[in-house]
Amino acid sequence: MNNQPYVPPPEVRERLSANLKKTEEEMKEMGKSLDKLLAHLDAQIASQPKRTKQTLPQN
């Protein structure tokens, strides 16, 4: 049994590294988009009138 880790050829490592960098950038962009969405939703919630507890008529 070989205990040495597999090291891919340089061209494969380069491709995988490029894919990883691309994915990292996409994740950063997604994070920014989610931050904008949360800010938008927070603003909408803040601008809504406050709900008050409705009291039912006493019979």
PDB file of N, CA and C in Angstrom:
ATOM      1  N   MET A   1       0.841  -1.178   0.000  1.00  0.00           N
ATOM      2  CA  MET A   1       0.000   0.000   0.000  1.00  0.00           C
ATOM      3  C   MET A   1       0.892   1.249   0.000  1.00  0.00           C
ATOM      4  N   ASN A   2       0.538   2.198  -0.843  1.00  0.00           N
ATOM      5  CA  ASN A   2       1.326   3.411  -0.995  1.00  0.00           C
ATOM      6  C   ASN A   2       0.736   4.507  -0.109  1.00  0.00           C
ATOM      7  N   ASN A   3       1.521   5.038   0.803  1.00  0.00           N
ATOM      8  CA  ASN A   3       1.058   6.094   1.704  1.00  0.00           C
ATOM      9  C   ASN A   3       1.349   7.495   1.176  1.00  0.00           C
ATOM     10  N   GLN A   4       1.958   7.583   0.013  1.00  0.00           N
ATOM     11  CA  GLN A   4       2.270   8.879  -0.571  1.00  0.00           C
ATOM     12  C   GLN A   4       0.999   9.496  -1.161  1.00  0.00           C
ATOM     13  N   PRO A   5       0.751  10.781  -0.880  1.00  0.00           N
ATOM     14  CA  PRO A   5      -0.422  11.428  -1.475  1.00  0.00           C
ATOM     15  C   PRO A   5      -0.233  11.597  -2.981  1.00  0.00           C
ATOM     16  N   TYR A   6      -1.339  11.550  -3.697  1.00  0.00           N
ATOM     17  CA  TYR A   6      -1.301  11.740  -5.144  1.00  0.00           C
ATOM     18  C   TYR A   6      -1.093  13.221  -5.438  1.00  0.00           C
ATOM     19  N   VAL A   7      -0.116  13.524  -6.255  1.00  0.00           N
ATOM     20  CA  VAL A   7       0.143  14.892  -6.688  1.00  0.00           C
ATOM     21  C   VAL A   7      -0.126  14.939  -8.184  1.00  0.00           C
ATOM     22  N   PRO A   8      -1.162  15.684  -8.587  1.00  0.00           N
ATOM     23  CA  PRO A   8      -1.487  15.730 -10.011  1.00  0.00           C
ATOM     24  C   PRO A   8      -0.413  16.470 -10.808  1.00  0.00           C
ATOM     25  N   PRO A   9      -0.411  16.262 -12.110  1.00  0.00           N
ATOM     26  CA  PRO A   9       0.552  16.968 -12.965  1.00  0.00           C
ATOM     27  C   PRO A   9       0.345  18.484 -12.888  1.00  0.00           C
ATOM     28  N   PRO A  10       1.374  19.247 -13.239  1.00  0.00           N
ATOM     29  CA  PRO A  10       1.285  20.716 -13.132  1.00  0.00           C
ATOM     30  C   PRO A  10       0.102  21.318 -13.884  1.00  0.00           C
ATOM     31  N   GLU A  11      -0.210  20.820 -15.079  1.00  0.00           N
ATOM     32  CA  GLU A  11      -1.328  21.402 -15.838  1.00  0.00           C
ATOM     33  C   GLU A  11      -2.664  21.156 -15.135  1.00  0.00           C
ATOM     34  N   VAL A  12      -2.790  20.026 -14.478  1.00  0.00           N
ATOM     35  CA  VAL A  12      -4.020  19.732 -13.734  1.00  0.00           C
ATOM     36  C   VAL A  12      -4.092  20.618 -12.490  1.00  0.00           C
ATOM     37  N   ARG A  13      -2.972  20.767 -11.794  1.00  0.00           N
ATOM     38  CA  ARG A  13      -2.945  21.642 -10.617  1.00  0.00           C
ATOM     39  C   ARG A  13      -3.283  23.075 -11.002  1.00  0.00           C
ATOM     40  N   GLU A  14      -2.760  23.523 -12.140  1.00  0.00           N
ATOM     41  CA  GLU A  14      -3.033  24.885 -12.603  1.00  0.00           C
ATOM     42  C   GLU A  14      -4.519  25.065 -12.903  1.00  0.00           C
ATOM     43  N   ARG A  15      -5.110  24.082 -13.575  1.00  0.00           N
ATOM     44  CA  ARG A  15      -6.539  24.153 -13.911  1.00  0.00           C
ATOM     45  C   ARG A  15      -7.390  24.145 -12.644  1.00  0.00           C
ATOM     46  N   LEU A  16      -7.069  23.259 -11.719  1.00  0.00           N
ATOM     47  CA  LEU A  16      -7.824  23.179 -10.472  1.00  0.00           C
ATOM     48  C   LEU A  16      -7.678  24.458  -9.649  1.00  0.00           C
ATOM     49  N   SER A  17      -6.475  25.012  -9.635  1.00  0.00           N
ATOM     50  CA  SER A  17      -6.240  26.253  -8.905  1.00  0.00           C
ATOM     51  C   SER A  17      -7.046  27.400  -9.519  1.00  0.00           C
ATOM     52  N   ALA A  18      -7.078  27.469 -10.851  1.00  0.00           N
ATOM     53  CA  ALA A  18      -7.852  28.507 -11.536  1.00  0.00           C
ATOM     54  C   ALA A  18      -9.340  28.349 -11.235  1.00  0.00           C
ATOM     55  N   ASN A  19      -9.820  27.110 -11.235  1.00  0.00           N
ATOM     56  CA  ASN A  19     -11.230  26.863 -10.919  1.00  0.00           C
ATOM     57  C   ASN A  19     -11.545  27.281  -9.487  1.00  0.00           C
ATOM     58  N   LEU A  20     -10.630  27.000  -8.579  1.00  0.00           N
ATOM     59  CA  LEU A  20     -10.833  27.363  -7.180  1.00  0.00           C
ATOM     60  C   LEU A  20     -10.883  28.881  -7.014  1.00  0.00           C
ATOM     61  N   LYS A  21      -9.989  29.593  -7.695  1.00  0.00           N
ATOM     62  CA  LYS A  21      -9.986  31.057  -7.626  1.00  0.00           C
ATOM     63  C   LYS A  21     -11.273  31.630  -8.204  1.00  0.00           C
ATOM     64  N   LYS A  22     -11.739  31.056  -9.319  1.00  0.00           N
ATOM     65  CA  LYS A  22     -12.985  31.508  -9.944  1.00  0.00           C
ATOM     66  C   LYS A  22     -14.158  31.285  -8.993  1.00  0.00           C
ATOM     67  N   THR A  23     -14.202  30.132  -8.370  1.00  0.00           N
ATOM     68  CA  THR A  23     -15.277  29.823  -7.432  1.00  0.00           C
ATOM     69  C   THR A  23     -15.242  30.754  -6.232  1.00  0.00           C
ATOM     70  N   GLU A  24     -14.043  31.074  -5.755  1.00  0.00           N
ATOM     71  CA  GLU A  24     -13.911  32.004  -4.631  1.00  0.00           C
ATOM     72  C   GLU A  24     -14.484  33.374  -4.996  1.00  0.00           C
ATOM     73  N   GLU A  25     -14.184  33.857  -6.199  1.00  0.00           N
ATOM     74  CA  GLU A  25     -14.710  35.146  -6.644  1.00  0.00           C
ATOM     75  C   GLU A  25     -16.232  35.099  -6.767  1.00  0.00           C
ATOM     76  N   GLU A  26     -16.758  33.996  -7.289  1.00  0.00           N
ATOM     77  CA  GLU A  26     -18.208  33.847  -7.410  1.00  0.00           C
ATOM     78  C   GLU A  26     -18.870  33.847  -6.036  1.00  0.00           C
ATOM     79  N   MET A  27     -18.243  33.205  -5.071  1.00  0.00           N
ATOM     80  CA  MET A  27     -18.792  33.170  -3.713  1.00  0.00           C
ATOM     81  C   MET A  27     -18.766  34.564  -3.081  1.00  0.00           C
ATOM     82  N   LYS A  28     -17.706  35.325  -3.343  1.00  0.00           N
ATOM     83  CA  LYS A  28     -17.636  36.693  -2.825  1.00  0.00           C
ATOM     84  C   LYS A  28     -18.757  37.538  -3.424  1.00  0.00           C
ATOM     85  N   GLU A  29     -18.988  37.397  -4.729  1.00  0.00           N
ATOM     86  CA  GLU A  29     -20.058  38.141  -5.393  1.00  0.00           C
ATOM     87  C   GLU A  29     -21.421  37.734  -4.835  1.00  0.00           C
ATOM     88  N   MET A  30     -21.606  36.445  -4.602  1.00  0.00           N
ATOM     89  CA  MET A  30     -22.864  35.969  -4.032  1.00  0.00           C
ATOM     90  C   MET A  30     -23.058  36.553  -2.635  1.00  0.00           C
ATOM     91  N   GLY A  31     -21.998  36.610  -1.849  1.00  0.00           N
ATOM     92  CA  GLY A  31     -22.076  37.207  -0.516  1.00  0.00           C
ATOM     93  C   GLY A  31     -22.486  38.672  -0.583  1.00  0.00           C
ATOM     94  N   LYS A  32     -21.921  39.411  -1.542  1.00  0.00           N
ATOM     95  CA  LYS A  32     -22.285  40.820  -1.714  1.00  0.00           C
ATOM     96  C   LYS A  32     -23.751  40.946  -2.103  1.00  0.00           C
ATOM     97  N   SER A  33     -24.210  40.078  -2.998  1.00  0.00           N
ATOM     98  CA  SER A  33     -25.613  40.105  -3.417  1.00  0.00           C
ATOM     99  C   SER A  33     -26.538  39.810  -2.241  1.00  0.00           C
ATOM    100  N   LEU A  34     -26.168  38.844  -1.423  1.00  0.00           N
ATOM    101  CA  LEU A  34     -26.987  38.516  -0.257  1.00  0.00           C
ATOM    102  C   LEU A  34     -26.997  39.662   0.752  1.00  0.00           C
ATOM    103  N   ASP A  35     -25.860  40.330   0.926  1.00  0.00           N
ATOM    104  CA  ASP A  35     -25.809  41.488   1.822  1.00  0.00           C
ATOM    105  C   ASP A  35     -26.746  42.589   1.330  1.00  0.00           C
ATOM    106  N   LYS A  36     -26.762  42.835   0.009  1.00  0.00           N
ATOM    107  CA  LYS A  36     -27.657  43.846  -0.557  1.00  0.00           C
ATOM    108  C   LYS A  36     -29.113  43.447  -0.356  1.00  0.00           C
ATOM    109  N   LEU A  37     -29.416  42.177  -0.565  1.00  0.00           N
ATOM    110  CA  LEU A  37     -30.782  41.695  -0.377  1.00  0.00           C
ATOM    111  C   LEU A  37     -31.219  41.855   1.076  1.00  0.00           C
ATOM    112  N   LEU A  38     -30.357  41.487   2.010  1.00  0.00           N
ATOM    113  CA  LEU A  38     -30.691  41.638   3.428  1.00  0.00           C
ATOM    114  C   LEU A  38     -30.919  43.104   3.798  1.00  0.00           C
ATOM    115  N   ALA A  39     -30.088  43.989   3.284  1.00  0.00           N
ATOM    116  CA  ALA A  39     -30.252  45.414   3.565  1.00  0.00           C
ATOM    117  C   ALA A  39     -31.581  45.908   3.004  1.00  0.00           C
ATOM    118  N   HIS A  40     -31.925  45.465   1.806  1.00  0.00           N
ATOM    119  CA  HIS A  40     -33.189  45.852   1.181  1.00  0.00           C
ATOM    120  C   HIS A  40     -34.368  45.354   2.012  1.00  0.00           C
ATOM    121  N   LEU A  41     -34.316  44.091   2.421  1.00  0.00           N
ATOM    122  CA  LEU A  41     -35.406  43.528   3.218  1.00  0.00           C
ATOM    123  C   LEU A  41     -35.506  44.206   4.581  1.00  0.00           C
ATOM    124  N   ASP A  42     -34.377  44.506   5.194  1.00  0.00           N
ATOM    125  CA  ASP A  42     -34.391  45.226   6.472  1.00  0.00           C
ATOM    126  C   ASP A  42     -35.047  46.595   6.314  1.00  0.00           C
ATOM    127  N   ALA A  43     -34.738  47.284   5.220  1.00  0.00           N
ATOM    128  CA  ALA A  43     -35.327  48.600   4.975  1.00  0.00           C
ATOM    129  C   ALA A  43     -36.831  48.483   4.758  1.00  0.00           C
ATOM    130  N   GLN A  44     -37.256  47.466   4.031  1.00  0.00           N
ATOM    131  CA  GLN A  44     -38.692  47.276   3.809  1.00  0.00           C
ATOM    132  C   GLN A  44     -39.409  46.981   5.118  1.00  0.00           C
ATOM    133  N   ILE A  45     -38.818  46.133   5.931  1.00  0.00           N
ATOM    134  CA  ILE A  45     -39.437  45.794   7.216  1.00  0.00           C
ATOM    135  C   ILE A  45     -39.510  47.031   8.106  1.00  0.00           C
ATOM    136  N   ALA A  46     -38.458  47.824   8.104  1.00  0.00           N
ATOM    137  CA  ALA A  46     -38.422  49.024   8.941  1.00  0.00           C
ATOM    138  C   ALA A  46     -39.462  50.049   8.494  1.00  0.00           C
ATOM    139  N   SER A  47     -39.781  50.082   7.211  1.00  0.00           N
ATOM    140  CA  SER A  47     -40.726  51.078   6.710  1.00  0.00           C
ATOM    141  C   SER A  47     -42.181  50.642   6.853  1.00  0.00           C
ATOM    142  N   GLN A  48     -42.415  49.394   7.205  1.00  0.00           N
ATOM    143  CA  GLN A  48     -43.788  48.927   7.381  1.00  0.00           C
ATOM    144  C   GLN A  48     -44.337  49.448   8.701  1.00  0.00           C
ATOM    145  N   PRO A  49     -45.640  49.732   8.706  1.00  0.00           N
ATOM    146  CA  PRO A  49     -46.225  50.146   9.985  1.00  0.00           C
ATOM    147  C   PRO A  49     -46.151  49.006  10.997  1.00  0.00           C
ATOM    148  N   LYS A  50     -45.973  49.385  12.231  1.00  0.00           N
ATOM    149  CA  LYS A  50     -45.881  48.375  13.281  1.00  0.00           C
ATOM    150  C   LYS A  50     -47.256  47.749  13.484  1.00  0.00           C
ATOM    151  N   ARG A  51     -47.270  46.451  13.596  1.00  0.00           N
ATOM    152  CA  ARG A  51     -48.528  45.765  13.870  1.00  0.00           C
ATOM    153  C   ARG A  51     -48.804  45.842  15.367  1.00  0.00           C
ATOM    154  N   THR A  52     -50.044  46.099  15.664  1.00  0.00           N
ATOM    155  CA  THR A  52     -50.419  46.116  17.072  1.00  0.00           C
ATOM    156  C   THR A  52     -51.266  44.898  17.358  1.00  0.00           C
ATOM    157  N   LYS A  53     -51.245  44.494  18.568  1.00  0.00           N
ATOM    158  CA  LYS A  53     -52.029  43.336  18.962  1.00  0.00           C
ATOM    159  C   LYS A  53     -53.505  43.712  18.884  1.00  0.00           C
ATOM    160  N   GLN A  54     -54.231  42.977  18.074  1.00  0.00           N
ATOM    161  CA  GLN A  54     -55.658  43.245  17.941  1.00  0.00           C
ATOM    162  C   GLN A  54     -56.388  42.598  19.106  1.00  0.00           C
ATOM    163  N   THR A  55     -57.294  43.358  19.656  1.00  0.00           N
ATOM    164  CA  THR A  55     -58.097  42.796  20.737  1.00  0.00           C
ATOM    165  C   THR A  55     -59.426  42.365  20.170  1.00  0.00           C
ATOM    166  N   LEU A  56     -59.851  41.209  20.556  1.00  0.00           N
ATOM    167  CA  LEU A  56     -61.138  40.704  20.110  1.00  0.00           C
ATOM    168  C   LEU A  56     -62.233  41.337  20.959  1.00  0.00           C
ATOM    169  N   PRO A  57     -63.369  41.604  20.335  1.00  0.00           N
ATOM    170  CA  PRO A  57     -64.474  42.173  21.123  1.00  0.00           C
ATOM    171  C   PRO A  57     -64.900  41.198  22.227  1.00  0.00           C
ATOM    172  N   GLN A  58     -65.156  41.731  23.384  1.00  0.00           N
ATOM    173  CA  GLN A  58     -65.604  40.916  24.513  1.00  0.00           C
ATOM    174  C   GLN A  58     -67.102  40.691  24.387  1.00  0.00           C
ATOM    175  N   ASN A  59     -67.546  39.469  24.443  1.00  0.00           N
ATOM    176  CA  ASN A  59     -68.984  39.162  24.380  1.00  0.00           C
ATOM    177  C   ASN A  59     -69.544  39.007  25.747  1.00  0.00           C
TER     178      ASN A  59
END
